[in-house]
C-alpha atoms as a PDB file:
ATOM      1  CA  MET A   1     165.228 113.594  67.999  1.00  0.00           C
ATOM      2  CA  PRO A   2     165.663 110.520  70.239  1.00  0.00           C
ATOM      3  CA  THR A   3     162.676 108.257  70.642  1.00  0.00           C
ATOM      4  CA  ASN A   4     161.288 108.412  74.187  1.00  0.00           C
ATOM      5  CA  ARG A   5     160.015 105.401  76.079  1.00  0.00           C
ATOM      6  CA  SER A   6     156.376 106.103  75.254  1.00  0.00           C
ATOM      7  CA  ASP A   7     157.143 106.395  71.529  1.00  0.00           C
ATOM      8  CA  ALA A   8     159.160 103.173  71.630  1.00  0.00           C
ATOM      9  CA  LYS A   9     156.236 101.335  73.242  1.00  0.00           C
ATOM     10  CA  SER A  10     153.874 102.702  70.619  1.00  0.00           C
ATOM     11  CA  LEU A  11     156.127 101.698  67.725  1.00  0.00           C
ATOM     12  CA  PHE A  12     156.614  98.227  69.169  1.00  0.00           C
ATOM     13  CA  ALA A  13     152.866  97.902  69.659  1.00  0.00           C
ATOM     14  CA  THR A  14     152.332  98.789  66.004  1.00  0.00           C
ATOM     15  CA  ALA A  15     154.871  96.181  64.928  1.00  0.00           C
ATOM     16  CA  VAL A  16     153.192  93.423  66.945  1.00  0.00           C
ATOM     17  CA  LYS A  17     149.717  94.345  65.638  1.00  0.00           C
ATOM     18  CA  THR A  18     150.941  94.474  62.052  1.00  0.00           C
ATOM     19  CA  TRP A  19     152.724  91.118  62.153  1.00  0.00           C
ATOM     20  CA  ARG A  20     149.697  89.594  63.872  1.00  0.00           C
ATOM     21  CA  GLY A  21     147.549  91.028  61.095  1.00  0.00           C
ATOM     22  CA  ARG A  22     149.698  89.428  58.431  1.00  0.00           C
ATOM     23  CA  LEU A  23     149.207  86.055  60.065  1.00  0.00           C
ATOM     24  CA  GLY A  24     145.475  86.702  60.358  1.00  0.00           C
ATOM     25  CA  ILE A  25     145.293  85.687  64.006  1.00  0.00           C
ATOM     26  CA  SER A  26     143.530  87.220  66.998  1.00  0.00           C
ATOM     27  CA  GLN A  27     145.107  88.509  70.181  1.00  0.00           C
ATOM     28  CA  GLU A  28     143.870  85.382  71.918  1.00  0.00           C
ATOM     29  CA  GLU A  29     145.587  83.094  69.421  1.00  0.00           C
ATOM     30  CA  LEU A  30     148.809  85.103  69.587  1.00  0.00           C
ATOM     31  CA  ALA A  31     148.714  84.870  73.382  1.00  0.00           C
ATOM     32  CA  GLY A  32     148.227  81.118  73.168  1.00  0.00           C
ATOM     33  CA  ARG A  33     151.114  80.696  70.752  1.00  0.00           C
ATOM     34  CA  ALA A  34     153.392  82.807  72.932  1.00  0.00           C
ATOM     35  CA  GLY A  35     152.297  81.316  76.247  1.00  0.00           C
ATOM     36  CA  LEU A  36     151.149  84.723  77.506  1.00  0.00           C
ATOM     37  CA  HIS A  37     147.863  86.013  78.903  1.00  0.00           C
ATOM     38  CA  ARG A  38     145.521  87.655  76.407  1.00  0.00           C
ATOM     39  CA  THR A  39     145.283  90.778  78.570  1.00  0.00           C
ATOM     40  CA  TYR A  40     149.075  90.989  78.526  1.00  0.00           C
ATOM     41  CA  VAL A  41     149.086  90.913  74.709  1.00  0.00           C
ATOM     42  CA  SER A  42     146.292  93.478  74.674  1.00  0.00           C
ATOM     43  CA  ASP A  43     148.356  95.762  76.915  1.00  0.00           C
ATOM     44  CA  ILE A  44     151.371  95.337  74.638  1.00  0.00           C
ATOM     45  CA  GLU A  45     149.336  96.358  71.599  1.00  0.00           C
ATOM     46  CA  ARG A  46     148.080  99.415  73.489  1.00  0.00           C
ATOM     47  CA  GLY A  47     151.650 100.377  74.339  1.00  0.00           C
ATOM     48  CA  ALA A  48     150.943  99.939  78.036  1.00  0.00           C
ATOM     49  CA  ARG A  49     153.486  97.272  78.972  1.00  0.00           C
ATOM     50  CA  ASN A  50     157.199  97.161  79.706  1.00  0.00           C
ATOM     51  CA  LEU A  51     158.383  93.949  78.086  1.00  0.00           C
ATOM     52  CA  SER A  52     161.031  91.569  79.305  1.00  0.00           C
ATOM     53  CA  LEU A  53     163.463  90.039  76.826  1.00  0.00           C
ATOM     54  CA  GLU A  54     161.815  86.670  77.465  1.00  0.00           C
ATOM     55  CA  SER A  55     158.393  88.038  76.456  1.00  0.00           C
ATOM     56  CA  ILE A  56     159.845  89.641  73.324  1.00  0.00           C
ATOM     57  CA  GLU A  57     161.432  86.335  72.318  1.00  0.00           C
ATOM     58  CA  LYS A  58     158.129  84.516  72.916  1.00  0.00           C
ATOM     59  CA  LEU A  59     156.249  87.053  70.772  1.00  0.00           C
ATOM     60  CA  ALA A  60     158.758  86.850  67.943  1.00  0.00           C
ATOM     61  CA  HIS A  61     158.573  83.052  67.951  1.00  0.00           C
ATOM     62  CA  ALA A  62     154.764  83.149  67.994  1.00  0.00           C
ATOM     63  CA  LEU A  63     154.776  85.599  65.064  1.00  0.00           C
ATOM     64  CA  GLU A  64     157.181  83.311  63.149  1.00  0.00           C
ATOM     65  CA  ILE A  65     159.907  85.934  62.872  1.00  0.00           C
ATOM     66  CA  SER A  66     163.232  86.656  64.527  1.00  0.00           C
ATOM     67  CA  VAL A  67     163.621  89.151  67.370  1.00  0.00           C
ATOM     68  CA  SER A  68     165.768  91.346  65.121  1.00  0.00           C
ATOM     69  CA  THR A  69     163.024  91.378  62.492  1.00  0.00           C
ATOM     70  CA  LEU A  70     160.428  92.379  65.072  1.00  0.00           C
ATOM     71  CA  PHE A  71     162.602  95.257  66.256  1.00  0.00           C
ATOM     72  CA  ALA A  72     163.502  96.258  62.702  1.00  0.00           C
ATOM     73  CA  SER A  73     159.801  96.635  61.918  1.00  0.00           C
ATOM     74  CA  ARG A  74     159.060  99.147  64.656  1.00  0.00           C
ATOM     75  CA  THR A  75     159.173 102.063  62.231  1.00  0.00           C
ATOM     76  CA  ALA A  76     155.753 102.954  60.898  1.00  0.00           C
ATOM     77  CA  PRO A  77     155.262 102.824  57.112  1.00  0.00           C
ATOM     78  CA  HIS A  78     154.946 106.589  56.712  1.00  0.00           C
ATOM     79  CA  GLU A  79     158.244 107.191  58.551  1.00  0.00           C
ATOM     80  CA  THR A  80     160.569 105.408  56.165  1.00  0.00           C
ATOM     81  CA  GLY A  81     161.221 108.463  54.045  1.00  0.00           C
ATOM     82  CA  SER A  82     161.024 106.312  50.947  1.00  0.00           C
ATOM     83  CA  GLY A  83     158.612 108.657  49.218  1.00  0.00           C
ATOM     84  CA  ASP A  84     156.127 105.854  48.621  1.00  0.00           C
ATOM     85  CA  SER A  85     152.529 106.193  49.622  1.00  0.00           C
ATOM     86  CA  PRO A  86     151.652 103.597  52.299  1.00  0.00           C
ATOM     87  CA  ASP A  87     149.054 102.170  49.925  1.00  0.00           C
ATOM     88  CA  GLU A  88     151.328 102.018  46.870  1.00  0.00           C
ATOM     89  CA  LEU A  89     152.060  98.536  45.621  1.00  0.00           C
ATOM     90  CA  VAL A  90     155.763  98.042  44.967  1.00  0.00           C
ATOM     91  CA  GLU A  91     156.779  95.536  42.339  1.00  0.00           C
ATOM     92  CA  ILE A  92     158.928  92.539  43.117  1.00  0.00           C
ATOM     93  CA  LEU A  93     160.553  90.935  40.080  1.00  0.00           C
ATOM     94  CA  PHE A  94     160.733  87.186  40.639  1.00  0.00           C
ATOM     95  CA  VAL A  95     162.991  85.414  38.131  1.00  0.00           C
ATOM     96  CA  GLU A  96     162.439  81.659  38.397  1.00  0.00           C
ATOM     97  CA  ASP A  97     161.870  78.944  35.791  1.00  0.00           C
ATOM     98  CA  ASN A  98     160.833  76.170  38.188  1.00  0.00           C
ATOM     99  CA  ALA A  99     157.045  76.187  38.460  1.00  0.00           C
ATOM    100  CA  ASP A 100     157.069  74.370  41.814  1.00  0.00           C
ATOM    101  CA  ASP A 101     159.423  76.940  43.347  1.00  0.00           C
ATOM    102  CA  VAL A 102     157.244  79.749  42.004  1.00  0.00           C
ATOM    103  CA  GLU A 103     154.148  78.197  43.558  1.00  0.00           C
ATOM    104  CA  LEU A 104     155.820  77.656  46.949  1.00  0.00           C
ATOM    105  CA  THR A 105     157.146  81.218  47.052  1.00  0.00           C
ATOM    106  CA  MET A 106     153.845  82.786  46.053  1.00  0.00           C
ATOM    107  CA  ARG A 107     152.078  80.686  48.667  1.00  0.00           C
ATOM    108  CA  ALA A 108     154.528  81.957  51.303  1.00  0.00           C
ATOM    109  CA  PHE A 109     153.889  85.556  50.229  1.00  0.00           C
ATOM    110  CA  LYS A 110     150.144  85.028  50.355  1.00  0.00           C
ATOM    111  CA  ARG A 111     150.337  83.487  53.818  1.00  0.00           C
ATOM    112  CA  ALA A 112     152.373  86.487  54.987  1.00  0.00           C
ATOM    113  CA  LYS A 113     149.780  88.798  53.384  1.00  0.00           C
ATOM    114  CA  ILE A 114     152.419  90.440  51.205  1.00  0.00           C
ATOM    115  CA  SER A 115     150.067  92.102  48.760  1.00  0.00           C
ATOM    116  CA  ASN A 116     152.627  93.819  46.547  1.00  0.00           C
ATOM    117  CA  HIS A 117     152.518  92.985  42.881  1.00  0.00           C
ATOM    118  CA  VAL A 118     154.968  90.193  42.040  1.00  0.00           C
ATOM    119  CA  GLN A 119     156.026  89.966  38.409  1.00  0.00           C
ATOM    120  CA  VAL A 120     157.166  86.433  37.574  1.00  0.00           C
ATOM    121  CA  VAL A 121     159.428  85.877  34.573  1.00  0.00           C
ATOM    122  CA  ARG A 122     160.710  82.460  33.556  1.00  0.00           C
ATOM    123  CA  ASP A 123     164.180  83.100  32.148  1.00  0.00           C
ATOM    124  CA  GLY A 124     167.059  85.542  32.209  1.00  0.00           C
ATOM    125  CA  ALA A 125     166.349  87.063  28.824  1.00  0.00           C
ATOM    126  CA  GLU A 126     162.798  87.993  29.796  1.00  0.00           C
ATOM    127  CA  ALA A 127     164.052  89.428  33.092  1.00  0.00           C
ATOM    128  CA  LEU A 128     166.337  91.829  31.209  1.00  0.00           C
ATOM    129  CA  ASP A 129     163.555  92.673  28.746  1.00  0.00           C
ATOM    130  CA  PHE A 130     161.282  93.524  31.674  1.00  0.00           C
ATOM    131  CA  LEU A 131     163.890  95.698  33.371  1.00  0.00           C
ATOM    132  CA  PHE A 132     164.984  97.603  30.276  1.00  0.00           C
ATOM    133  CA  GLY A 133     161.765  97.692  28.246  1.00  0.00           C
ATOM    134  CA  ASP A 134     162.842  95.412  25.397  1.00  0.00           C
ATOM    135  CA  GLY A 135     161.351  92.423  23.579  1.00  0.00           C
ATOM    136  CA  THR A 136     157.900  91.441  24.785  1.00  0.00           C
ATOM    137  CA  HIS A 137     158.041  94.240  27.382  1.00  0.00           C
ATOM    138  CA  ILE A 138     158.893  97.014  24.943  1.00  0.00           C
ATOM    139  CA  ASN A 139     155.750  98.947  25.835  1.00  0.00           C
ATOM    140  CA  ARG A 140     156.317  98.766  29.586  1.00  0.00           C
ATOM    141  CA  ARG A 141     156.895 102.018  31.457  1.00  0.00           C
ATOM    142  CA  ILE A 142     160.450 101.322  32.585  1.00  0.00           C
ATOM    143  CA  SER A 143     160.537 104.320  34.912  1.00  0.00           C
ATOM    144  CA  ARG A 144     158.553 102.132  37.327  1.00  0.00           C
ATOM    145  CA  ARG A 145     161.215  99.554  38.028  1.00  0.00           C
ATOM    146  CA  PRO A 146     160.888  96.902  40.732  1.00  0.00           C
ATOM    147  CA  ARG A 147     162.125  97.681  44.224  1.00  0.00           C
ATOM    148  CA  LEU A 148     163.484  94.158  44.678  1.00  0.00           C
ATOM    149  CA  ILE A 149     164.666  91.314  42.455  1.00  0.00           C
ATOM    150  CA  LEU A 150     164.478  87.668  43.539  1.00  0.00           C
ATOM    151  CA  LEU A 151     166.871  85.941  41.163  1.00  0.00           C
ATOM    152  CA  ASP A 152     167.363  82.232  40.620  1.00  0.00           C
ATOM    153  CA  LEU A 153     170.789  81.413  39.216  1.00  0.00           C
ATOM    154  CA  ASN A 154     169.931  78.381  37.100  1.00  0.00           C
ATOM    155  CA  LEU A 155     167.950  80.004  34.299  1.00  0.00           C
ATOM    156  CA  PRO A 156     167.459  79.165  30.627  1.00  0.00           C
ATOM    157  CA  ARG A 157     168.580  81.454  27.779  1.00  0.00           C
ATOM    158  CA  ILE A 158     170.585  83.836  29.965  1.00  0.00           C
ATOM    159  CA  GLY A 159     171.879  82.591  33.309  1.00  0.00           C
ATOM    160  CA  GLY A 160     171.293  84.288  36.635  1.00  0.00           C
ATOM    161  CA  LEU A 161     174.888  85.437  37.103  1.00  0.00           C
ATOM    162  CA  GLU A 162     174.841  87.207  33.746  1.00  0.00           C
ATOM    163  CA  VAL A 163     171.514  88.847  34.605  1.00  0.00           C
ATOM    164  CA  LEU A 164     173.027  90.002  37.902  1.00  0.00           C
ATOM    165  CA  ARG A 165     176.124  91.357  36.153  1.00  0.00           C
ATOM    166  CA  ARG A 166     174.022  93.402  33.719  1.00  0.00           C
ATOM    167  CA  VAL A 167     171.702  94.707  36.446  1.00  0.00           C
ATOM    168  CA  LYS A 168     174.589  95.864  38.629  1.00  0.00           C
ATOM    169  CA  SER A 169     176.611  97.343  35.766  1.00  0.00           C
ATOM    170  CA  ASP A 170     173.799  99.586  34.500  1.00  0.00           C
ATOM    171  CA  GLU A 171     173.266 102.876  36.334  1.00  0.00           C
ATOM    172  CA  ARG A 172     169.514 102.606  35.801  1.00  0.00           C
ATOM    173  CA  THR A 173     169.215  99.367  37.774  1.00  0.00           C
ATOM    174  CA  ARG A 174     172.339  98.990  39.921  1.00  0.00           C
ATOM    175  CA  MET A 175     170.598 100.305  43.034  1.00  0.00           C
ATOM    176  CA  ILE A 176     167.838  97.649  42.925  1.00  0.00           C
ATOM    177  CA  PRO A 177     168.566  95.106  45.682  1.00  0.00           C
ATOM    178  CA  VAL A 178     169.001  91.575  44.368  1.00  0.00           C
ATOM    179  CA  ILE A 179     168.368  88.491  46.496  1.00  0.00           C
ATOM    180  CA  VAL A 180     169.907  85.414  44.901  1.00  0.00           C
ATOM    181  CA  LEU A 181     168.006  82.143  45.229  1.00  0.00           C
ATOM    182  CA  THR A 182     170.189  79.088  45.682  1.00  0.00           C
ATOM    183  CA  THR A 183     169.739  75.426  46.523  1.00  0.00           C
ATOM    184  CA  SER A 184     172.569  75.302  49.082  1.00  0.00           C
ATOM    185  CA  GLN A 185     174.491  77.606  51.415  1.00  0.00           C
ATOM    186  CA  LYS A 186     177.629  75.996  49.986  1.00  0.00           C
ATOM    187  CA  ASP A 187     176.701  76.904  46.417  1.00  0.00           C
ATOM    188  CA  ARG A 188     179.933  78.043  44.779  1.00  0.00           C
ATOM    189  CA  ASP A 189     178.016  80.731  42.925  1.00  0.00           C
ATOM    190  CA  ILE A 190     177.170  82.603  46.167  1.00  0.00           C
ATOM    191  CA  ALA A 191     180.645  84.151  46.385  1.00  0.00           C
ATOM    192  CA  GLU A 192     180.489  85.183  42.742  1.00  0.00           C
ATOM    193  CA  SER A 193     177.012  86.637  43.269  1.00  0.00           C
ATOM    194  CA  ARG A 194     178.281  88.782  46.122  1.00  0.00           C
ATOM    195  CA  ARG A 195     181.245  89.889  44.032  1.00  0.00           C
ATOM    196  CA  LEU A 196     178.874  90.999  41.288  1.00  0.00           C
ATOM    197  CA  GLY A 197     176.782  92.995  43.761  1.00  0.00           C
ATOM    198  CA  ALA A 198     173.997  90.761  45.103  1.00  0.00           C
ATOM    199  CA  GLU A 199     172.917  91.963  48.529  1.00  0.00           C
ATOM    200  CA  THR A 200     172.185  88.558  50.036  1.00  0.00           C
ATOM    201  CA  TYR A 201     170.813  85.104  49.274  1.00  0.00           C
ATOM    202  CA  ILE A 202     168.032  82.742  50.323  1.00  0.00           C
ATOM    203  CA  VAL A 203     168.230  78.958  50.234  1.00  0.00           C
ATOM    204  CA  LYS A 204     165.211  77.649  48.344  1.00  0.00           C
ATOM    205  CA  PRO A 205     162.371  77.103  48.797  1.00  0.00           C
ATOM    206  CA  VAL A 206     161.579  80.671  49.813  1.00  0.00           C
ATOM    207  CA  ASP A 207     159.386  80.758  52.902  1.00  0.00           C
ATOM    208  CA  PHE A 208     158.038  83.557  55.076  1.00  0.00           C
ATOM    209  CA  GLN A 209     160.652  83.211  57.804  1.00  0.00           C
ATOM    210  CA  ARG A 210     163.623  83.229  55.425  1.00  0.00           C
ATOM    211  CA  PHE A 211     162.244  86.195  53.510  1.00  0.00           C
ATOM    212  CA  SER A 212     161.504  88.172  56.693  1.00  0.00           C
ATOM    213  CA  GLN A 213     165.027  87.532  57.974  1.00  0.00           C
ATOM    214  CA  VAL A 214     166.767  89.076  54.960  1.00  0.00           C
ATOM    215  CA  THR A 215     164.545  92.069  54.179  1.00  0.00           C
ATOM    216  CA  PRO A 216     165.585  94.125  57.260  1.00  0.00           C
ATOM    217  CA  GLN A 217     169.179  93.932  55.960  1.00  0.00           C
ATOM    218  CA  LEU A 218     168.004  95.796  52.875  1.00  0.00           C
ATOM    219  CA  SER A 219     165.970  98.482  54.684  1.00  0.00           C
ATOM    220  CA  LEU A 220     163.013  97.311  52.605  1.00  0.00           C
ATOM    221  CA  HIS A 221     160.741  95.829  55.233  1.00  0.00           C
ATOM    222  CA  TRP A 222     158.083  98.542  55.191  1.00  0.00           C
ATOM    223  CA  ALA A 223     158.751  99.477  51.584  1.00  0.00           C
ATOM    224  CA  LEU A 224     157.823  95.997  50.461  1.00  0.00           C
ATOM    225  CA  VAL A 225     154.974  95.043  52.691  1.00  0.00           C
ATOM    226  CA  ARG A 226     151.707  96.868  52.259  1.00  0.00           C
ATOM    227  CA  PRO A 227     149.903  97.634  55.535  1.00  0.00           C
ATOM    228  CA  VAL A 228     147.031  95.255  56.212  1.00  0.00           C
ATOM    229  CA  SER A 229     143.992  95.578  58.419  1.00  0.00           C
ATOM    230  CA  VAL A 230     144.380  94.059  61.863  1.00  0.00           C
ATOM    231  CA  PRO A 231     141.832  91.360  62.743  1.00  0.00           C
ATOM    232  CA  PRO A 232     139.485  91.890  65.674  1.00  0.00           C
ATOM    233  CA  ALA A 233     140.941  91.244  69.095  1.00  0.00           C
END
């Protein structure tokens, strides 16, 4: 059934409140960042305002996301049809051997209040062991596979492209979205990654804005981000 204007306002209000909550800022601070009156922001979050495109752009900029991301997040967590409980933590498998890149990415997730469990593995062989329940992960319950894989390409033991090939060639894991991490948009491995089935890529280091820009493409925005409490107005 089509969404009426009142429902659209309510969904947009929820999106603004949720993104504000992830940043841990008040309505007053959001208003200041966006150059809007606090009462205007309050009305938006109550679903009582018709917004201009200019105001939407200001809000998105203040929330450190794109306009498309803000609109893509209008759906409430329980409406995704994913089958996940809103409070369920969904695993993200992060395959990266560079300790500095791991620290920067985890810091970005923490700042964005992404509270899902992130499993970090340091090489390609361990990534495959984790996914298929082999080696040091032989006792892991493999039925609970990650919902997203962040995959660096330059890995020891087994390289990232080979990990990607095995993930996408196995019926048990081929549907898991893979985001390739690269050092340059001109990386010659990007084309090969797409050919093997990677959904998209992020130029390192991974930050909140880059991550939020690619997740709507994967229909994983609400599946990945656990709802957080909204700070007082």
